[in-house]
Amino acid sequence: MLLFRGRETHSRSLIKGISWRVLGSIDTFLLSLLFTSSAKAAGAIAGTEVITKVLLYYFHERVWASIGWGASPAPPPPDDPAAMI
């Protein structure tokens, strides 16, 4: 599939997405608490958005991993005959 031809593994993209969402969810919880003054409402907001944003981040990373623009090319493997030229 075109979306998944990047240089990162799926598990790396997934873990990056999860760690980013933990930080983002803490931020969302604190802002929601500030605006609503309700820990229950803030928890509901932060809990709901974590699911959608992990998925969005994962696909965003996979798309960018498949785009060559602005990325340095990967060096060829040492046993590649083209590398000997």
C-alpha atoms as a PDB file:
ATOM      1  CA  MET A   1       0.000   0.000   0.000  1.00  0.00           C
ATOM      2  CA  LEU A   2       1.367   3.409  -0.982  1.00  0.00           C
ATOM      3  CA  LEU A   3       0.856   4.942   2.472  1.00  0.00           C
ATOM      4  CA  PHE A   4       3.214   2.496   4.167  1.00  0.00           C
ATOM      5  CA  ARG A   5       6.353   2.678   1.990  1.00  0.00           C
ATOM      6  CA  GLY A   6       8.290   4.886   4.378  1.00  0.00           C
ATOM      7  CA  ARG A   7      11.509   4.385   6.269  1.00  0.00           C
ATOM      8  CA  GLU A   8       9.864   3.893   9.684  1.00  0.00           C
ATOM      9  CA  THR A   9       8.278   0.703  10.921  1.00  0.00           C
ATOM     10  CA  HIS A  10       4.605   0.611  11.816  1.00  0.00           C
ATOM     11  CA  SER A  11       5.420  -0.102  15.468  1.00  0.00           C
ATOM     12  CA  ARG A  12       7.722   2.945  15.685  1.00  0.00           C
ATOM     13  CA  SER A  13       5.041   5.211  14.216  1.00  0.00           C
ATOM     14  CA  LEU A  14       2.474   3.748  16.608  1.00  0.00           C
ATOM     15  CA  ILE A  15       4.658   4.237  19.706  1.00  0.00           C
ATOM     16  CA  LYS A  16       5.497   7.793  18.620  1.00  0.00           C
ATOM     17  CA  GLY A  17       1.787   8.470  18.209  1.00  0.00           C
ATOM     18  CA  ILE A  18       0.961   7.083  21.637  1.00  0.00           C
ATOM     19  CA  SER A  19       3.711   9.007  23.429  1.00  0.00           C
ATOM     20  CA  TRP A  20       2.703  12.225  21.683  1.00  0.00           C
ATOM     21  CA  ARG A  21      -0.938  11.689  22.605  1.00  0.00           C
ATOM     22  CA  VAL A  22      -0.103  11.119  26.275  1.00  0.00           C
ATOM     23  CA  LEU A  23       1.559  14.528  26.336  1.00  0.00           C
ATOM     24  CA  GLY A  24      -1.239  16.056  24.270  1.00  0.00           C
ATOM     25  CA  SER A  25      -3.929  14.518  26.473  1.00  0.00           C
ATOM     26  CA  ILE A  26      -2.337  15.953  29.600  1.00  0.00           C
ATOM     27  CA  ASP A  27      -2.416  19.342  27.899  1.00  0.00           C
ATOM     28  CA  THR A  28      -6.043  18.857  26.817  1.00  0.00           C
ATOM     29  CA  PHE A  29      -7.040  17.748  30.323  1.00  0.00           C
ATOM     30  CA  LEU A  30      -5.392  20.762  31.956  1.00  0.00           C
ATOM     31  CA  LEU A  31      -6.912  23.223  29.485  1.00  0.00           C
ATOM     32  CA  SER A  32     -10.331  21.582  29.799  1.00  0.00           C
ATOM     33  CA  LEU A  33     -10.060  21.733  33.587  1.00  0.00           C
ATOM     34  CA  LEU A  34      -9.134  25.412  33.360  1.00  0.00           C
ATOM     35  CA  PHE A  35     -12.131  26.222  31.154  1.00  0.00           C
ATOM     36  CA  THR A  36     -14.754  23.952  32.732  1.00  0.00           C
ATOM     37  CA  SER A  37     -13.571  23.752  36.373  1.00  0.00           C
ATOM     38  CA  SER A  38     -14.730  20.137  36.278  1.00  0.00           C
ATOM     39  CA  ALA A  39     -12.292  17.230  36.472  1.00  0.00           C
ATOM     40  CA  LYS A  40     -15.033  14.891  35.216  1.00  0.00           C
ATOM     41  CA  ALA A  41     -15.685  16.973  32.095  1.00  0.00           C
ATOM     42  CA  ALA A  42     -11.966  17.492  31.519  1.00  0.00           C
ATOM     43  CA  GLY A  43     -11.381  13.734  31.791  1.00  0.00           C
ATOM     44  CA  ALA A  44     -14.198  12.991  29.348  1.00  0.00           C
ATOM     45  CA  ILE A  45     -12.824  15.487  26.833  1.00  0.00           C
ATOM     46  CA  ALA A  46      -9.230  14.245  27.151  1.00  0.00           C
ATOM     47  CA  GLY A  47     -10.302  10.580  27.074  1.00  0.00           C
ATOM     48  CA  THR A  48     -12.392  10.996  23.939  1.00  0.00           C
ATOM     49  CA  GLU A  49      -9.852  12.922  21.909  1.00  0.00           C
ATOM     50  CA  VAL A  50      -6.999  10.519  22.626  1.00  0.00           C
ATOM     51  CA  ILE A  51      -8.489   7.792  20.419  1.00  0.00           C
ATOM     52  CA  THR A  52      -9.062   9.923  17.344  1.00  0.00           C
ATOM     53  CA  LYS A  53      -5.773  11.772  17.624  1.00  0.00           C
ATOM     54  CA  VAL A  54      -3.641   8.629  17.946  1.00  0.00           C
ATOM     55  CA  LEU A  55      -5.151   7.346  14.711  1.00  0.00           C
ATOM     56  CA  LEU A  56      -4.786  10.693  12.943  1.00  0.00           C
ATOM     57  CA  TYR A  57      -1.159  11.028  14.034  1.00  0.00           C
ATOM     58  CA  TYR A  58      -0.330   7.474  12.958  1.00  0.00           C
ATOM     59  CA  PHE A  59      -1.657   8.023   9.435  1.00  0.00           C
ATOM     60  CA  HIS A  60      -0.081  11.481   9.274  1.00  0.00           C
ATOM     61  CA  GLU A  61       3.329   9.961  10.120  1.00  0.00           C
ATOM     62  CA  ARG A  62       2.910   7.124   7.606  1.00  0.00           C
ATOM     63  CA  VAL A  63       2.003   9.551   4.824  1.00  0.00           C
ATOM     64  CA  TRP A  64       5.003  11.768   5.591  1.00  0.00           C
ATOM     65  CA  ALA A  65       7.268   8.702   5.799  1.00  0.00           C
ATOM     66  CA  SER A  66       6.287   7.860   2.218  1.00  0.00           C
ATOM     67  CA  ILE A  67       7.040  11.349   0.865  1.00  0.00           C
ATOM     68  CA  GLY A  68      10.619  11.835  -0.264  1.00  0.00           C
ATOM     69  CA  TRP A  69      10.517  15.642  -0.344  1.00  0.00           C
ATOM     70  CA  GLY A  70      12.955  17.167   2.133  1.00  0.00           C
ATOM     71  CA  ALA A  71      14.351  13.822   3.318  1.00  0.00           C
ATOM     72  CA  SER A  72      17.897  12.709   2.729  1.00  0.00           C
ATOM     73  CA  PRO A  73      18.124   9.463   0.754  1.00  0.00           C
ATOM     74  CA  ALA A  74      18.902   6.279   2.645  1.00  0.00           C
ATOM     75  CA  PRO A  75      22.395   4.956   1.959  1.00  0.00           C
ATOM     76  CA  PRO A  76      22.445   1.750  -0.126  1.00  0.00           C
ATOM     77  CA  PRO A  77      23.260  -1.491   1.685  1.00  0.00           C
ATOM     78  CA  PRO A  78      27.014  -2.353   1.613  1.00  0.00           C
ATOM     79  CA  ASP A  79      26.493  -5.517  -0.481  1.00  0.00           C
ATOM     80  CA  ASP A  80      24.554  -3.602  -3.175  1.00  0.00           C
ATOM     81  CA  PRO A  81      26.480  -3.772  -6.503  1.00  0.00           C
ATOM     82  CA  ALA A  82      25.284  -0.242  -7.333  1.00  0.00           C
ATOM     83  CA  ALA A  83      27.103   1.044  -4.228  1.00  0.00           C
ATOM     84  CA  MET A  84      30.424  -0.224  -5.608  1.00  0.00           C
ATOM     85  CA  ILE A  85      30.236   2.052  -8.679  1.00  0.00           C
END
